[in-house]
Amino acid sequence: TVVMEAELYDNTVHIKITDTGKGIEDINKAREPFFTTRPEEERSGMGFTVMESFMDSLEVISEVGKGTTLIMTKTISSQGEGGS
């Protein structure tokens, strides 16, 4: 089961994604570019790298056997502040 929550406060979006999967044994290793637990499959191992490049912050909380929670935040510009 995967649950996604998103909230907007002023000009900052907060996204929380939680699963009840097997969890991540070594979060630091999993966050390395090109790391994958299934090298025999067509996987690039860039999931965390992509999330980190688009977000202002990414927090990963995981417990083996219980699941993983990702908390991401991104400040977005208001209309008229030079953003598109």
C-alpha atoms as a PDB file:
ATOM      1  CA  THR A   1       0.000   0.000   0.000  1.00  0.00           C
ATOM      2  CA  VAL A   2       1.268   3.462  -0.939  1.00  0.00           C
ATOM      3  CA  VAL A   3      -0.237   6.661   0.474  1.00  0.00           C
ATOM      4  CA  MET A   4       0.558  10.123  -0.901  1.00  0.00           C
ATOM      5  CA  GLU A   5      -0.330  13.355   0.862  1.00  0.00           C
ATOM      6  CA  ALA A   6       0.298  16.853  -0.486  1.00  0.00           C
ATOM      7  CA  GLU A   7      -0.260  20.179   1.241  1.00  0.00           C
ATOM      8  CA  LEU A   8       0.362  23.749   0.153  1.00  0.00           C
ATOM      9  CA  TYR A   9       1.324  26.370   2.741  1.00  0.00           C
ATOM     10  CA  ASP A  10       1.853  29.856   1.359  1.00  0.00           C
ATOM     11  CA  ASN A  11       4.268  29.133  -1.494  1.00  0.00           C
ATOM     12  CA  THR A  12       5.709  25.823  -0.240  1.00  0.00           C
ATOM     13  CA  VAL A  13       4.402  22.406  -1.212  1.00  0.00           C
ATOM     14  CA  HIS A  14       4.930  19.498   1.192  1.00  0.00           C
ATOM     15  CA  ILE A  15       4.641  15.975  -0.199  1.00  0.00           C
ATOM     16  CA  LYS A  16       4.654  12.867   1.980  1.00  0.00           C
ATOM     17  CA  ILE A  17       4.714   9.389   0.458  1.00  0.00           C
ATOM     18  CA  THR A  18       4.466   6.342   2.709  1.00  0.00           C
ATOM     19  CA  ASP A  19       4.539   2.654   1.876  1.00  0.00           C
ATOM     20  CA  THR A  20       4.254  -0.484   3.955  1.00  0.00           C
ATOM     21  CA  GLY A  21       6.856  -2.408   1.976  1.00  0.00           C
ATOM     22  CA  LYS A  22      10.049  -4.125   3.059  1.00  0.00           C
ATOM     23  CA  GLY A  23      11.898  -0.917   3.947  1.00  0.00           C
ATOM     24  CA  ILE A  24      15.414   0.198   3.041  1.00  0.00           C
ATOM     25  CA  GLU A  25      18.379  -1.411   4.812  1.00  0.00           C
ATOM     26  CA  ASP A  26      20.963   1.286   4.049  1.00  0.00           C
ATOM     27  CA  ILE A  27      19.409   4.662   3.196  1.00  0.00           C
ATOM     28  CA  ASN A  28      22.760   6.339   2.469  1.00  0.00           C
ATOM     29  CA  LYS A  29      23.698   3.589   0.000  1.00  0.00           C
ATOM     30  CA  ALA A  30      20.231   3.686  -1.613  1.00  0.00           C
ATOM     31  CA  ARG A  31      20.603   7.448  -2.190  1.00  0.00           C
ATOM     32  CA  GLU A  32      23.818   6.992  -4.212  1.00  0.00           C
ATOM     33  CA  PRO A  33      23.335   7.623  -7.956  1.00  0.00           C
ATOM     34  CA  PHE A  34      22.963   4.397  -9.977  1.00  0.00           C
ATOM     35  CA  PHE A  35      22.457   2.181  -6.894  1.00  0.00           C
ATOM     36  CA  THR A  36      19.926  -0.577  -7.478  1.00  0.00           C
ATOM     37  CA  THR A  37      18.985  -3.733  -5.620  1.00  0.00           C
ATOM     38  CA  ARG A  38      18.031  -5.385  -8.922  1.00  0.00           C
ATOM     39  CA  PRO A  39      20.932  -4.936 -11.355  1.00  0.00           C
ATOM     40  CA  GLU A  40      19.588  -7.753 -13.555  1.00  0.00           C
ATOM     41  CA  GLU A  41      16.551  -5.627 -14.422  1.00  0.00           C
ATOM     42  CA  GLU A  42      16.407  -2.452 -16.487  1.00  0.00           C
ATOM     43  CA  ARG A  43      16.741   0.003 -13.609  1.00  0.00           C
ATOM     44  CA  SER A  44      18.780   3.180 -13.590  1.00  0.00           C
ATOM     45  CA  GLY A  45      19.048   3.616  -9.824  1.00  0.00           C
ATOM     46  CA  MET A  46      18.320   7.342 -10.141  1.00  0.00           C
ATOM     47  CA  GLY A  47      15.061   7.663  -8.165  1.00  0.00           C
ATOM     48  CA  PHE A  48      16.464   9.531  -5.167  1.00  0.00           C
ATOM     49  CA  THR A  49      18.791  11.590  -7.373  1.00  0.00           C
ATOM     50  CA  VAL A  50      15.860  12.783  -9.481  1.00  0.00           C
ATOM     51  CA  MET A  51      13.747  13.610  -6.422  1.00  0.00           C
ATOM     52  CA  GLU A  52      16.635  15.524  -4.832  1.00  0.00           C
ATOM     53  CA  SER A  53      17.281  17.506  -8.011  1.00  0.00           C
ATOM     54  CA  PHE A  54      13.670  18.742  -8.242  1.00  0.00           C
ATOM     55  CA  MET A  55      12.950  19.337  -4.557  1.00  0.00           C
ATOM     56  CA  ASP A  56      14.407  21.749  -2.000  1.00  0.00           C
ATOM     57  CA  SER A  57      14.583  18.981   0.590  1.00  0.00           C
ATOM     58  CA  LEU A  58      14.095  15.232   0.758  1.00  0.00           C
ATOM     59  CA  GLU A  59      13.899  13.276   3.999  1.00  0.00           C
ATOM     60  CA  VAL A  60      13.880   9.474   3.941  1.00  0.00           C
ATOM     61  CA  ILE A  61      12.652   7.514   6.956  1.00  0.00           C
ATOM     62  CA  SER A  62      12.663   3.744   6.675  1.00  0.00           C
ATOM     63  CA  GLU A  63      12.438   0.707   8.885  1.00  0.00           C
ATOM     64  CA  VAL A  64      13.251  -2.740   7.528  1.00  0.00           C
ATOM     65  CA  GLY A  65      10.156  -4.904   7.469  1.00  0.00           C
ATOM     66  CA  LYS A  66       7.807  -1.977   8.087  1.00  0.00           C
ATOM     67  CA  GLY A  67       8.112   0.460   5.165  1.00  0.00           C
ATOM     68  CA  THR A  68       9.435   3.808   4.012  1.00  0.00           C
ATOM     69  CA  THR A  69       8.326   7.424   4.224  1.00  0.00           C
ATOM     70  CA  LEU A  70       9.586  10.185   1.926  1.00  0.00           C
ATOM     71  CA  ILE A  71       9.020  13.803   2.918  1.00  0.00           C
ATOM     72  CA  MET A  72       9.708  16.346   0.186  1.00  0.00           C
ATOM     73  CA  THR A  73       9.366  20.126   0.154  1.00  0.00           C
ATOM     74  CA  LYS A  74       9.554  22.626  -2.664  1.00  0.00           C
ATOM     75  CA  THR A  75       9.107  26.383  -2.575  1.00  0.00           C
ATOM     76  CA  ILE A  76       7.309  27.605  -5.663  1.00  0.00           C
ATOM     77  CA  SER A  77       7.208  31.169  -6.870  1.00  0.00           C
ATOM     78  CA  SER A  78       3.970  33.115  -6.843  1.00  0.00           C
ATOM     79  CA  GLN A  79       2.581  34.453 -10.092  1.00  0.00           C
ATOM     80  CA  GLY A  80       4.142  37.788 -10.902  1.00  0.00           C
ATOM     81  CA  GLU A  81       7.456  36.972  -9.205  1.00  0.00           C
ATOM     82  CA  GLY A  82       9.264  36.047 -12.386  1.00  0.00           C
ATOM     83  CA  GLY A  83       8.223  32.389 -12.291  1.00  0.00           C
ATOM     84  CA  SER A  84       6.309  30.524 -14.943  1.00  0.00           C
END
